[in-house]
Amino acid sequence: MQTTTADDALLDERALSKLHWRCRRGLLENDLFIERFFARHEQTITVRQARGLGLLMDLSDHDLLDLVLRRKDPEGALAEAPEAREVLDMLRV
């Protein structure tokens, strides 16, 4: 039997709603990537993934778009955050 940690728990409806609101962006391109992410993964987003998405949302719109389009790689603290890299890979699909 596999045990789950708090990080592996699915987001509840309220936390998911807050995350969705937090992910609103100024660039249409980013909004399109994020909406596709939510359409694909909304029912399975974990606490860890939500934390990673929050780290990505702290970036400027242009920096986020550069990461999603693979124009550049995560740097600094973002490169050290496996949850952010996981979500970035999910956004890039």
PDB file of N, CA and C in Angstrom:
ATOM      1  N   MET A   1       0.847  -1.189   0.000  1.00  0.00           N
ATOM      2  CA  MET A   1       0.000   0.000   0.000  1.00  0.00           C
ATOM      3  C   MET A   1       0.883   1.240   0.000  1.00  0.00           C
ATOM      4  N   GLN A   2       0.607   2.167  -0.913  1.00  0.00           N
ATOM      5  CA  GLN A   2       1.408   3.370  -1.044  1.00  0.00           C
ATOM      6  C   GLN A   2       0.789   4.484  -0.207  1.00  0.00           C
ATOM      7  N   THR A   3       1.628   5.180   0.545  1.00  0.00           N
ATOM      8  CA  THR A   3       1.137   6.306   1.336  1.00  0.00           C
ATOM      9  C   THR A   3       1.379   7.592   0.580  1.00  0.00           C
ATOM     10  N   THR A   4       0.544   8.564   0.810  1.00  0.00           N
ATOM     11  CA  THR A   4       0.709   9.867   0.169  1.00  0.00           C
ATOM     12  C   THR A   4       1.079  10.895   1.215  1.00  0.00           C
ATOM     13  N   THR A   5       1.877  11.840   0.797  1.00  0.00           N
ATOM     14  CA  THR A   5       2.244  12.930   1.690  1.00  0.00           C
ATOM     15  C   THR A   5       1.290  14.095   1.457  1.00  0.00           C
ATOM     16  N   ALA A   6       1.400  15.088   2.302  1.00  0.00           N
ATOM     17  CA  ALA A   6       0.551  16.276   2.140  1.00  0.00           C
ATOM     18  C   ALA A   6       0.809  16.945   0.791  1.00  0.00           C
ATOM     19  N   ASP A   7       2.056  16.895   0.307  1.00  0.00           N
ATOM     20  CA  ASP A   7       2.383  17.493  -0.987  1.00  0.00           C
ATOM     21  C   ASP A   7       1.714  16.771  -2.150  1.00  0.00           C
ATOM     22  N   ASP A   8       1.422  15.491  -1.968  1.00  0.00           N
ATOM     23  CA  ASP A   8       0.800  14.695  -3.029  1.00  0.00           C
ATOM     24  C   ASP A   8      -0.726  14.748  -2.997  1.00  0.00           C
ATOM     25  N   ALA A   9      -1.275  15.406  -1.996  1.00  0.00           N
ATOM     26  CA  ALA A   9      -2.737  15.515  -1.886  1.00  0.00           C
ATOM     27  C   ALA A   9      -3.271  16.407  -3.009  1.00  0.00           C
ATOM     28  N   LEU A  10      -4.446  16.046  -3.494  1.00  0.00           N
ATOM     29  CA  LEU A  10      -5.087  16.868  -4.521  1.00  0.00           C
ATOM     30  C   LEU A  10      -5.598  18.160  -3.903  1.00  0.00           C
ATOM     31  N   LEU A  11      -5.592  19.223  -4.695  1.00  0.00           N
ATOM     32  CA  LEU A  11      -6.142  20.493  -4.218  1.00  0.00           C
ATOM     33  C   LEU A  11      -7.648  20.369  -4.053  1.00  0.00           C
ATOM     34  N   ASP A  12      -8.167  20.994  -3.018  1.00  0.00           N
ATOM     35  CA  ASP A  12      -9.615  21.020  -2.881  1.00  0.00           C
ATOM     36  C   ASP A  12     -10.175  22.106  -3.805  1.00  0.00           C
ATOM     37  N   GLU A  13     -11.466  22.142  -3.914  1.00  0.00           N
ATOM     38  CA  GLU A  13     -12.125  23.048  -4.867  1.00  0.00           C
ATOM     39  C   GLU A  13     -11.794  24.522  -4.600  1.00  0.00           C
ATOM     40  N   ARG A  14     -11.764  24.901  -3.340  1.00  0.00           N
ATOM     41  CA  ARG A  14     -11.476  26.300  -2.986  1.00  0.00           C
ATOM     42  C   ARG A  14     -10.042  26.678  -3.348  1.00  0.00           C
ATOM     43  N   ALA A  15      -9.086  25.816  -3.012  1.00  0.00           N
ATOM     44  CA  ALA A  15      -7.682  26.085  -3.332  1.00  0.00           C
ATOM     45  C   ALA A  15      -7.475  26.121  -4.843  1.00  0.00           C
ATOM     46  N   LEU A  16      -8.164  25.256  -5.557  1.00  0.00           N
ATOM     47  CA  LEU A  16      -8.069  25.240  -7.009  1.00  0.00           C
ATOM     48  C   LEU A  16      -8.619  26.529  -7.607  1.00  0.00           C
ATOM     49  N   SER A  17      -9.717  27.010  -7.078  1.00  0.00           N
ATOM     50  CA  SER A  17     -10.298  28.263  -7.546  1.00  0.00           C
ATOM     51  C   SER A  17      -9.340  29.432  -7.309  1.00  0.00           C
ATOM     52  N   LYS A  18      -8.733  29.475  -6.132  1.00  0.00           N
ATOM     53  CA  LYS A  18      -7.757  30.533  -5.826  1.00  0.00           C
ATOM     54  C   LYS A  18      -6.547  30.449  -6.753  1.00  0.00           C
ATOM     55  N   LEU A  19      -6.080  29.239  -7.012  1.00  0.00           N
ATOM     56  CA  LEU A  19      -4.938  29.061  -7.897  1.00  0.00           C
ATOM     57  C   LEU A  19      -5.272  29.525  -9.307  1.00  0.00           C
ATOM     58  N   HIS A  20      -6.444  29.176  -9.767  1.00  0.00           N
ATOM     59  CA  HIS A  20      -6.873  29.581 -11.107  1.00  0.00           C
ATOM     60  C   HIS A  20      -6.898  31.106 -11.202  1.00  0.00           C
ATOM     61  N   TRP A  21      -7.420  31.755 -10.192  1.00  0.00           N
ATOM     62  CA  TRP A  21      -7.471  33.217 -10.179  1.00  0.00           C
ATOM     63  C   TRP A  21      -6.064  33.806 -10.148  1.00  0.00           C
ATOM     64  N   ARG A  22      -5.176  33.204  -9.375  1.00  0.00           N
ATOM     65  CA  ARG A  22      -3.788  33.670  -9.246  1.00  0.00           C
ATOM     66  C   ARG A  22      -3.039  33.579 -10.568  1.00  0.00           C
ATOM     67  N   CYS A  23      -3.454  32.684 -11.444  1.00  0.00           N
ATOM     68  CA  CYS A  23      -2.745  32.421 -12.690  1.00  0.00           C
ATOM     69  C   CYS A  23      -3.168  33.325 -13.846  1.00  0.00           C
ATOM     70  N   ARG A  24      -4.044  34.261 -13.586  1.00  0.00           N
ATOM     71  CA  ARG A  24      -4.436  35.189 -14.655  1.00  0.00           C
ATOM     72  C   ARG A  24      -3.243  36.043 -15.031  1.00  0.00           C
ATOM     73  N   ARG A  25      -2.978  36.177 -16.318  1.00  0.00           N
ATOM     74  CA  ARG A  25      -1.798  36.880 -16.796  1.00  0.00           C
ATOM     75  C   ARG A  25      -2.174  38.020 -17.723  1.00  0.00           C
ATOM     76  N   GLY A  26      -1.198  38.884 -17.982  1.00  0.00           N
ATOM     77  CA  GLY A  26      -1.406  40.018 -18.870  1.00  0.00           C
ATOM     78  C   GLY A  26      -1.201  39.686 -20.330  1.00  0.00           C
ATOM     79  N   LEU A  27      -0.366  38.700 -20.612  1.00  0.00           N
ATOM     80  CA  LEU A  27      -0.118  38.305 -21.994  1.00  0.00           C
ATOM     81  C   LEU A  27      -1.081  37.197 -22.408  1.00  0.00           C
ATOM     82  N   LEU A  28      -1.727  37.383 -23.519  1.00  0.00           N
ATOM     83  CA  LEU A  28      -2.663  36.389 -24.032  1.00  0.00           C
ATOM     84  C   LEU A  28      -1.983  35.036 -24.221  1.00  0.00           C
ATOM     85  N   GLU A  29      -0.753  35.048 -24.702  1.00  0.00           N
ATOM     86  CA  GLU A  29      -0.043  33.794 -24.949  1.00  0.00           C
ATOM     87  C   GLU A  29       0.079  32.979 -23.658  1.00  0.00           C
ATOM     88  N   ASN A  30       0.444  33.641 -22.568  1.00  0.00           N
ATOM     89  CA  ASN A  30       0.550  32.943 -21.286  1.00  0.00           C
ATOM     90  C   ASN A  30      -0.806  32.417 -20.845  1.00  0.00           C
ATOM     91  N   ASP A  31      -1.836  33.229 -21.007  1.00  0.00           N
ATOM     92  CA  ASP A  31      -3.184  32.790 -20.633  1.00  0.00           C
ATOM     93  C   ASP A  31      -3.588  31.536 -21.402  1.00  0.00           C
ATOM     94  N   LEU A  32      -3.224  31.472 -22.671  1.00  0.00           N
ATOM     95  CA  LEU A  32      -3.571  30.301 -23.472  1.00  0.00           C
ATOM     96  C   LEU A  32      -2.861  29.054 -22.973  1.00  0.00           C
ATOM     97  N   PHE A  33      -1.571  29.166 -22.643  1.00  0.00           N
ATOM     98  CA  PHE A  33      -0.842  28.027 -22.092  1.00  0.00           C
ATOM     99  C   PHE A  33      -1.429  27.591 -20.746  1.00  0.00           C
ATOM    100  N   ILE A  34      -1.762  28.556 -19.918  1.00  0.00           N
ATOM    101  CA  ILE A  34      -2.279  28.255 -18.583  1.00  0.00           C
ATOM    102  C   ILE A  34      -3.674  27.634 -18.666  1.00  0.00           C
ATOM    103  N   GLU A  35      -4.511  28.158 -19.535  1.00  0.00           N
ATOM    104  CA  GLU A  35      -5.845  27.586 -19.700  1.00  0.00           C
ATOM    105  C   GLU A  35      -5.764  26.147 -20.206  1.00  0.00           C
ATOM    106  N   ARG A  36      -4.842  25.887 -21.118  1.00  0.00           N
ATOM    107  CA  ARG A  36      -4.660  24.521 -21.612  1.00  0.00           C
ATOM    108  C   ARG A  36      -4.187  23.612 -20.468  1.00  0.00           C
ATOM    109  N   PHE A  37      -3.281  24.139 -19.631  1.00  0.00           N
ATOM    110  CA  PHE A  37      -2.802  23.393 -18.470  1.00  0.00           C
ATOM    111  C   PHE A  37      -3.968  23.013 -17.567  1.00  0.00           C
ATOM    112  N   PHE A  38      -4.824  23.985 -17.244  1.00  0.00           N
ATOM    113  CA  PHE A  38      -5.962  23.704 -16.373  1.00  0.00           C
ATOM    114  C   PHE A  38      -6.958  22.746 -17.040  1.00  0.00           C
ATOM    115  N   ALA A  39      -7.168  22.880 -18.326  1.00  0.00           N
ATOM    116  CA  ALA A  39      -8.090  21.979 -19.016  1.00  0.00           C
ATOM    117  C   ALA A  39      -7.608  20.533 -18.940  1.00  0.00           C
ATOM    118  N   ARG A  40      -6.305  20.345 -18.992  1.00  0.00           N
ATOM    119  CA  ARG A  40      -5.741  18.995 -18.972  1.00  0.00           C
ATOM    120  C   ARG A  40      -5.571  18.430 -17.566  1.00  0.00           C
ATOM    121  N   HIS A  41      -5.221  19.289 -16.600  1.00  0.00           N
ATOM    122  CA  HIS A  41      -4.763  18.797 -15.306  1.00  0.00           C
ATOM    123  C   HIS A  41      -5.592  19.251 -14.104  1.00  0.00           C
ATOM    124  N   GLU A  42      -6.637  20.014 -14.325  1.00  0.00           N
ATOM    125  CA  GLU A  42      -7.388  20.619 -13.220  1.00  0.00           C
ATOM    126  C   GLU A  42      -7.811  19.613 -12.146  1.00  0.00           C
ATOM    127  N   GLN A  43      -8.232  18.451 -12.540  1.00  0.00           N
ATOM    128  CA  GLN A  43      -8.743  17.463 -11.585  1.00  0.00           C
ATOM    129  C   GLN A  43      -7.642  16.717 -10.840  1.00  0.00           C
ATOM    130  N   THR A  44      -6.385  16.880 -11.275  1.00  0.00           N
ATOM    131  CA  THR A  44      -5.302  16.100 -10.678  1.00  0.00           C
ATOM    132  C   THR A  44      -4.161  16.959 -10.125  1.00  0.00           C
ATOM    133  N   ILE A  45      -4.364  18.265  -9.992  1.00  0.00           N
ATOM    134  CA  ILE A  45      -3.305  19.142  -9.485  1.00  0.00           C
ATOM    135  C   ILE A  45      -3.097  18.883  -7.994  1.00  0.00           C
ATOM    136  N   THR A  46      -1.843  18.641  -7.646  1.00  0.00           N
ATOM    137  CA  THR A  46      -1.491  18.375  -6.256  1.00  0.00           C
ATOM    138  C   THR A  46      -1.031  19.653  -5.557  1.00  0.00           C
ATOM    139  N   VAL A  47      -0.894  19.571  -4.265  1.00  0.00           N
ATOM    140  CA  VAL A  47      -0.406  20.698  -3.476  1.00  0.00           C
ATOM    141  C   VAL A  47       0.993  21.088  -3.958  1.00  0.00           C
ATOM    142  N   ARG A  48       1.839  20.098  -4.219  1.00  0.00           N
ATOM    143  CA  ARG A  48       3.200  20.364  -4.702  1.00  0.00           C
ATOM    144  C   ARG A  48       3.173  21.088  -6.046  1.00  0.00           C
ATOM    145  N   GLN A  49       2.335  20.638  -6.958  1.00  0.00           N
ATOM    146  CA  GLN A  49       2.239  21.270  -8.266  1.00  0.00           C
ATOM    147  C   GLN A  49       1.682  22.688  -8.152  1.00  0.00           C
ATOM    148  N   ALA A  50       0.751  22.888  -7.254  1.00  0.00           N
ATOM    149  CA  ALA A  50       0.206  24.238  -7.038  1.00  0.00           C
ATOM    150  C   ALA A  50       1.305  25.177  -6.539  1.00  0.00           C
ATOM    151  N   ARG A  51       2.166  24.667  -5.665  1.00  0.00           N
ATOM    152  CA  ARG A  51       3.282  25.467  -5.170  1.00  0.00           C
ATOM    153  C   ARG A  51       4.234  25.810  -6.324  1.00  0.00           C
ATOM    154  N   GLY A  52       4.504  24.844  -7.180  1.00  0.00           N
ATOM    155  CA  GLY A  52       5.355  25.088  -8.344  1.00  0.00           C
ATOM    156  C   GLY A  52       4.753  26.092  -9.296  1.00  0.00           C
ATOM    157  N   LEU A  53       3.460  25.993  -9.515  1.00  0.00           N
ATOM    158  CA  LEU A  53       2.778  26.955 -10.384  1.00  0.00           C
ATOM    159  C   LEU A  53       2.820  28.347  -9.773  1.00  0.00           C
ATOM    160  N   GLY A  54       2.688  28.423  -8.463  1.00  0.00           N
ATOM    161  CA  GLY A  54       2.802  29.714  -7.785  1.00  0.00           C
ATOM    162  C   GLY A  54       4.169  30.343  -7.985  1.00  0.00           C
ATOM    163  N   LEU A  55       5.217  29.541  -7.941  1.00  0.00           N
ATOM    164  CA  LEU A  55       6.566  30.063  -8.184  1.00  0.00           C
ATOM    165  C   LEU A  55       6.691  30.604  -9.599  1.00  0.00           C
ATOM    166  N   LEU A  56       6.111  29.909 -10.547  1.00  0.00           N
ATOM    167  CA  LEU A  56       6.148  30.385 -11.934  1.00  0.00           C
ATOM    168  C   LEU A  56       5.343  31.667 -12.104  1.00  0.00           C
ATOM    169  N   MET A  57       4.250  31.792 -11.373  1.00  0.00           N
ATOM    170  CA  MET A  57       3.418  32.986 -11.489  1.00  0.00           C
ATOM    171  C   MET A  57       4.092  34.223 -10.886  1.00  0.00           C
ATOM    172  N   ASP A  58       5.138  34.026 -10.090  1.00  0.00           N
ATOM    173  CA  ASP A  58       5.893  35.161  -9.552  1.00  0.00           C
ATOM    174  C   ASP A  58       6.773  35.812 -10.615  1.00  0.00           C
ATOM    175  N   LEU A  59       6.945  35.154 -11.745  1.00  0.00           N
ATOM    176  CA  LEU A  59       7.763  35.698 -12.830  1.00  0.00           C
ATOM    177  C   LEU A  59       6.999  36.761 -13.605  1.00  0.00           C
ATOM    178  N   SER A  60       7.748  37.587 -14.306  1.00  0.00           N
ATOM    179  CA  SER A  60       7.102  38.535 -15.214  1.00  0.00           C
ATOM    180  C   SER A  60       6.495  37.752 -16.375  1.00  0.00           C
ATOM    181  N   ASP A  61       5.558  38.364 -17.065  1.00  0.00           N
ATOM    182  CA  ASP A  61       4.907  37.696 -18.190  1.00  0.00           C
ATOM    183  C   ASP A  61       5.915  37.257 -19.244  1.00  0.00           C
ATOM    184  N   HIS A  62       6.865  38.124 -19.565  1.00  0.00           N
ATOM    185  CA  HIS A  62       7.831  37.796 -20.615  1.00  0.00           C
ATOM    186  C   HIS A  62       8.793  36.698 -20.180  1.00  0.00           C
ATOM    187  N   ASP A  63       9.212  36.699 -18.923  1.00  0.00           N
ATOM    188  CA  ASP A  63      10.076  35.630 -18.426  1.00  0.00           C
ATOM    189  C   ASP A  63       9.348  34.292 -18.428  1.00  0.00           C
ATOM    190  N   LEU A  64       8.083  34.293 -18.027  1.00  0.00           N
ATOM    191  CA  LEU A  64       7.287  33.065 -18.047  1.00  0.00           C
ATOM    192  C   LEU A  64       7.144  32.542 -19.472  1.00  0.00           C
ATOM    193  N   LEU A  65       6.826  33.409 -20.399  1.00  0.00           N
ATOM    194  CA  LEU A  65       6.666  32.989 -21.783  1.00  0.00           C
ATOM    195  C   LEU A  65       7.973  32.429 -22.336  1.00  0.00           C
ATOM    196  N   ASP A  66       9.099  33.057 -22.016  1.00  0.00           N
ATOM    197  CA  ASP A  66      10.399  32.553 -22.474  1.00  0.00           C
ATOM    198  C   ASP A  66      10.656  31.145 -21.954  1.00  0.00           C
ATOM    199  N   LEU A  67      10.275  30.872 -20.714  1.00  0.00           N
ATOM    200  CA  LEU A  67      10.449  29.527 -20.154  1.00  0.00           C
ATOM    201  C   LEU A  67       9.539  28.517 -20.835  1.00  0.00           C
ATOM    202  N   VAL A  68       8.285  28.884 -21.005  1.00  0.00           N
ATOM    203  CA  VAL A  68       7.327  27.952 -21.612  1.00  0.00           C
ATOM    204  C   VAL A  68       7.719  27.634 -23.056  1.00  0.00           C
ATOM    205  N   LEU A  69       8.218  28.632 -23.773  1.00  0.00           N
ATOM    206  CA  LEU A  69       8.611  28.429 -25.169  1.00  0.00           C
ATOM    207  C   LEU A  69      10.029  27.891 -25.313  1.00  0.00           C
ATOM    208  N   ARG A  70      10.661  27.589 -24.199  1.00  0.00           N
ATOM    209  CA  ARG A  70      12.017  27.029 -24.171  1.00  0.00           C
ATOM    210  C   ARG A  70      13.063  27.987 -24.737  1.00  0.00           C
ATOM    211  N   ARG A  71      12.795  29.261 -24.655  1.00  0.00           N
ATOM    212  CA  ARG A  71      13.793  30.246 -25.076  1.00  0.00           C
ATOM    213  C   ARG A  71      14.910  30.357 -24.044  1.00  0.00           C
ATOM    214  N   LYS A  72      14.569  30.002 -22.807  1.00  0.00           N
ATOM    215  CA  LYS A  72      15.576  29.977 -21.751  1.00  0.00           C
ATOM    216  C   LYS A  72      15.179  28.929 -20.721  1.00  0.00           C
ATOM    217  N   ASP A  73      16.134  28.590 -19.863  1.00  0.00           N
ATOM    218  CA  ASP A  73      15.921  27.598 -18.810  1.00  0.00           C
ATOM    219  C   ASP A  73      15.752  28.298 -17.473  1.00  0.00           C
ATOM    220  N   PRO A  74      15.091  27.627 -16.529  1.00  0.00           N
ATOM    221  CA  PRO A  74      14.952  28.215 -15.188  1.00  0.00           C
ATOM    222  C   PRO A  74      16.316  28.526 -14.579  1.00  0.00           C
ATOM    223  N   GLU A  75      16.371  29.631 -13.852  1.00  0.00           N
ATOM    224  CA  GLU A  75      17.619  30.053 -13.224  1.00  0.00           C
ATOM    225  C   GLU A  75      17.389  30.301 -11.747  1.00  0.00           C
ATOM    226  N   GLY A  76      18.479  30.314 -11.003  1.00  0.00           N
ATOM    227  CA  GLY A  76      18.431  30.657  -9.590  1.00  0.00           C
ATOM    228  C   GLY A  76      17.553  29.721  -8.793  1.00  0.00           C
ATOM    229  N   ALA A  77      16.762  30.318  -7.898  1.00  0.00           N
ATOM    230  CA  ALA A  77      15.901  29.539  -7.001  1.00  0.00           C
ATOM    231  C   ALA A  77      14.887  28.701  -7.790  1.00  0.00           C
ATOM    232  N   LEU A  78      14.461  29.206  -8.925  1.00  0.00           N
ATOM    233  CA  LEU A  78      13.491  28.464  -9.741  1.00  0.00           C
ATOM    234  C   LEU A  78      14.102  27.165 -10.276  1.00  0.00           C
ATOM    235  N   ALA A  79      15.376  27.199 -10.620  1.00  0.00           N
ATOM    236  CA  ALA A  79      16.057  26.006 -11.111  1.00  0.00           C
ATOM    237  C   ALA A  79      16.217  24.970 -10.008  1.00  0.00           C
ATOM    238  N   GLU A  80      16.204  25.427  -8.762  1.00  0.00           N
ATOM    239  CA  GLU A  80      16.376  24.533  -7.614  1.00  0.00           C
ATOM    240  C   GLU A  80      15.048  23.989  -7.089  1.00  0.00           C
ATOM    241  N   ALA A  81      13.943  24.400  -7.689  1.00  0.00           N
ATOM    242  CA  ALA A  81      12.611  24.001  -7.223  1.00  0.00           C
ATOM    243  C   ALA A  81      12.042  22.924  -8.151  1.00  0.00           C
ATOM    244  N   PRO A  82      12.134  21.653  -7.749  1.00  0.00           N
ATOM    245  CA  PRO A  82      11.652  20.582  -8.629  1.00  0.00           C
ATOM    246  C   PRO A  82      10.161  20.703  -8.941  1.00  0.00           C
ATOM    247  N   GLU A  83       9.377  21.253  -8.016  1.00  0.00           N
ATOM    248  CA  GLU A  83       7.947  21.396  -8.281  1.00  0.00           C
ATOM    249  C   GLU A  83       7.677  22.398  -9.400  1.00  0.00           C
ATOM    250  N   ALA A  84       8.499  23.454  -9.492  1.00  0.00           N
ATOM    251  CA  ALA A  84       8.341  24.433 -10.571  1.00  0.00           C
ATOM    252  C   ALA A  84       8.751  23.819 -11.902  1.00  0.00           C
ATOM    253  N   ARG A  85       9.812  23.041 -11.899  1.00  0.00           N
ATOM    254  CA  ARG A  85      10.263  22.389 -13.130  1.00  0.00           C
ATOM    255  C   ARG A  85       9.216  21.368 -13.616  1.00  0.00           C
ATOM    256  N   GLU A  86       8.599  20.657 -12.670  1.00  0.00           N
ATOM    257  CA  GLU A  86       7.557  19.695 -13.031  1.00  0.00           C
ATOM    258  C   GLU A  86       6.382  20.390 -13.721  1.00  0.00           C
ATOM    259  N   VAL A  87       5.939  21.493 -13.146  1.00  0.00           N
ATOM    260  CA  VAL A  87       4.802  22.222 -13.727  1.00  0.00           C
ATOM    261  C   VAL A  87       5.201  22.853 -15.059  1.00  0.00           C
ATOM    262  N   LEU A  88       6.418  23.349 -15.150  1.00  0.00           N
ATOM    263  CA  LEU A  88       6.890  23.909 -16.412  1.00  0.00           C
ATOM    264  C   LEU A  88       6.843  22.857 -17.503  1.00  0.00           C
ATOM    265  N   ASP A  89       7.264  21.641 -17.185  1.00  0.00           N
ATOM    266  CA  ASP A  89       7.180  20.555 -18.172  1.00  0.00           C
ATOM    267  C   ASP A  89       5.718  20.286 -18.555  1.00  0.00           C
ATOM    268  N   MET A  90       4.811  20.375 -17.590  1.00  0.00           N
ATOM    269  CA  MET A  90       3.400  20.170 -17.870  1.00  0.00           C
ATOM    270  C   MET A  90       2.837  21.289 -18.757  1.00  0.00           C
ATOM    271  N   LEU A  91       3.307  22.506 -18.558  1.00  0.00           N
ATOM    272  CA  LEU A  91       2.867  23.641 -19.368  1.00  0.00           C
ATOM    273  C   LEU A  91       3.383  23.532 -20.798  1.00  0.00           C
ATOM    274  N   ARG A  92       4.547  22.947 -20.963  1.00  0.00           N
ATOM    275  CA  ARG A  92       5.189  22.871 -22.276  1.00  0.00           C
ATOM    276  C   ARG A  92       4.597  21.805 -23.178  1.00  0.00           C
ATOM    277  N   VAL A  93       3.846  20.868 -22.655  1.00  0.00           N
ATOM    278  CA  VAL A  93       3.298  19.767 -23.459  1.00  0.00           C
ATOM    279  C   VAL A  93       2.215  20.271 -24.382  1.00  0.00           C
TER     280      VAL A  93
END
